[in-house]
């Protein structure tokens, strides 16, 4: 996947609204708007209280009990400071579509283990559950 790939959001209202907004901006660019589209990866860092920051907090405090899936899926975390640098570079380069993510993805399980290791938690009692194990 690269910047020329079509935006393919997860089927949820938030992701769909981002795709719609991007589509509208790109249409307006055809009419003369000078704009930059930046597709963000999972952002974490100081000041955040959701997404990866929440996951990191749960790991550090030993509260992560289960993860839906086997943890082998890849994520592309990006620290907020790296994101700011990417945004500045995108603005300097100018009009276009850019992806702001780390150079290499990491498996969710490896990310969880890395955070646990650096926070002093050797082992987590975390279960990886298939979605078929969950009922509402």
Protein backbone atom coordinates (compact mmCIF):
# COMPACT_ATOMS: atom_id res chain seq x y z
CA UNK A 1 0.00 0.00 0.00
CA UNK A 2 1.23 3.48 -0.84
CA UNK A 3 -0.13 6.96 -1.43
CA UNK A 4 -1.54 5.97 -4.83
CA UNK A 5 -3.68 3.22 -3.26
CA UNK A 6 -7.36 4.06 -2.93
CA UNK A 7 -8.50 4.83 0.59
CA UNK A 8 -10.19 1.68 1.90
CA UNK A 9 -11.67 2.42 5.34
CA UNK A 10 -12.86 -0.11 7.86
CA UNK A 11 -16.63 -0.41 7.72
CA UNK A 12 -17.42 1.93 10.61
CA UNK A 13 -18.86 5.45 10.69
CA UNK A 14 -15.64 7.14 11.82
CA UNK A 15 -13.47 5.60 9.09
CA UNK A 16 -16.17 6.17 6.49
CA UNK A 17 -16.42 9.85 7.47
CA UNK A 18 -12.65 10.24 7.02
CA UNK A 19 -12.87 8.65 3.57
CA UNK A 20 -15.73 10.98 2.62
CA UNK A 21 -13.80 14.04 3.83
CA UNK A 22 -10.74 12.98 1.83
CA UNK A 23 -12.88 12.47 -1.25
CA UNK A 24 -14.41 15.94 -0.88
CA UNK A 25 -10.99 17.58 -0.49
CA UNK A 26 -9.64 15.78 -3.57
CA UNK A 27 -12.69 16.88 -5.58
CA UNK A 28 -12.13 20.48 -4.46
CA UNK A 29 -8.48 20.20 -5.54
CA UNK A 30 -9.72 19.54 -9.08
CA UNK A 31 -11.46 22.92 -8.83
CA UNK A 32 -8.31 24.76 -7.73
CA UNK A 33 -8.01 24.16 -3.98
CA UNK A 34 -4.39 23.79 -2.87
CA UNK A 35 -4.56 21.06 -0.22
CA UNK A 36 -2.59 18.27 1.34
CA UNK A 37 -4.17 14.97 2.41
CA UNK A 38 -2.36 13.08 5.15
CA UNK A 39 -3.47 9.56 6.03
CA UNK A 40 -2.48 8.87 9.63
CA UNK A 41 -1.36 5.61 11.16
CA UNK A 42 -2.05 4.80 14.83
CA UNK A 43 -0.82 7.88 16.72
CA UNK A 44 0.53 7.65 20.26
CA UNK A 45 2.40 9.95 22.59
CA UNK A 46 2.05 12.68 25.19
CA UNK A 47 -1.42 14.12 25.48
CA UNK A 48 -3.38 11.25 23.99
CA UNK A 49 -5.93 9.31 26.00
CA UNK A 50 -7.38 6.87 23.47
CA UNK A 51 -6.29 4.36 20.83
CA UNK A 52 -2.71 3.21 21.26
CA UNK A 53 -2.21 5.43 24.31
CA UNK A 54 -5.03 3.59 26.05
CA UNK A 55 -3.54 0.24 25.02
CA UNK A 56 -0.11 1.32 26.31
CA UNK A 57 -1.64 2.48 29.60
CA UNK A 58 -3.45 -0.85 30.02
CA UNK A 59 -0.20 -2.76 29.40
CA UNK A 60 1.86 -0.60 31.77
CA UNK A 61 -0.75 -0.93 34.53
CA UNK A 62 -1.16 -4.67 33.94
CA UNK A 63 -4.82 -4.33 32.95
CA UNK A 64 -4.69 -5.78 29.44
CA UNK A 65 -6.59 -9.04 29.83
CA UNK A 66 -7.52 -9.95 26.27
CA UNK A 67 -7.03 -8.92 22.68
CA UNK A 68 -9.55 -9.81 19.99
CA UNK A 69 -7.70 -11.74 17.31
CA UNK A 70 -4.42 -13.62 17.43
CA UNK A 71 -2.19 -10.55 17.65
CA UNK A 72 -0.48 -11.39 14.36
CA UNK A 73 -2.05 -8.44 12.56
CA UNK A 74 0.24 -5.57 11.67
CA UNK A 75 -0.14 -2.05 12.97
CA UNK A 76 1.75 1.08 11.96
CA UNK A 77 2.18 3.14 15.12
CA UNK A 78 3.63 6.63 14.83
CA UNK A 79 4.73 8.81 17.71
CA UNK A 80 3.10 12.24 17.83
CA UNK A 81 6.49 13.98 17.46
CA UNK A 82 7.21 12.00 14.29
CA UNK A 83 3.72 12.85 13.07
CA UNK A 84 4.38 16.57 13.52
CA UNK A 85 7.58 16.26 11.48
CA UNK A 86 5.66 14.35 8.78
CA UNK A 87 2.95 17.03 8.66
CA UNK A 88 5.54 19.78 8.25
CA UNK A 89 7.25 17.84 5.46
CA UNK A 90 3.92 17.24 3.71
CA UNK A 91 3.09 20.95 3.87
CA UNK A 92 6.54 21.87 2.55
CA UNK A 93 6.26 19.39 -0.31
CA UNK A 94 2.80 20.61 -1.16
CA UNK A 95 -0.33 19.28 -2.76
CA UNK A 96 -0.80 15.54 -2.73
CA UNK A 97 -1.64 12.51 -0.62
CA UNK A 98 0.80 11.34 2.04
CA UNK A 99 0.82 8.49 4.53
CA UNK A 100 2.21 9.33 7.98
CA UNK A 101 3.45 6.09 9.53
CA UNK A 102 6.62 4.49 10.81
CA UNK A 103 8.90 2.98 8.21
CA UNK A 104 8.01 -0.60 9.15
CA UNK A 105 4.83 -2.11 10.57
CA UNK A 106 4.89 -4.25 13.71
CA UNK A 107 2.69 -7.15 14.74
CA UNK A 108 0.24 -6.17 17.47
CA UNK A 109 1.52 -9.01 19.68
CA UNK A 110 5.12 -7.80 19.27
CA UNK A 111 4.08 -4.23 20.05
CA UNK A 112 2.35 -5.38 23.24
CA UNK A 113 5.40 -7.43 24.25
CA UNK A 114 7.74 -4.50 23.54
CA UNK A 115 5.70 -2.09 25.67
CA UNK A 116 5.51 -4.69 28.45
CA UNK A 117 9.27 -5.22 28.36
CA UNK A 118 10.15 -1.52 28.47
CA UNK A 119 7.63 -0.85 31.23
CA UNK A 120 9.15 -3.55 33.43
CA UNK A 121 6.36 -6.10 32.95
CA UNK A 122 8.04 -9.33 31.94
CA UNK A 123 4.89 -11.31 31.20
CA UNK A 124 1.33 -10.32 30.66
CA UNK A 125 -1.58 -12.62 31.33
CA UNK A 126 -3.21 -11.63 28.04
CA UNK A 127 -5.50 -13.91 26.07
CA UNK A 128 -5.79 -13.61 22.31
CA UNK A 129 -9.39 -14.39 21.41
CA UNK A 130 -11.01 -15.15 18.08
CA UNK A 131 -14.06 -12.98 17.53
CA UNK A 132 -16.20 -16.14 17.53
CA UNK A 133 -15.39 -16.48 21.26
CA UNK A 134 -17.14 -13.20 22.04
CA UNK A 135 -20.88 -12.90 22.45
CA UNK A 136 -22.87 -9.80 23.26
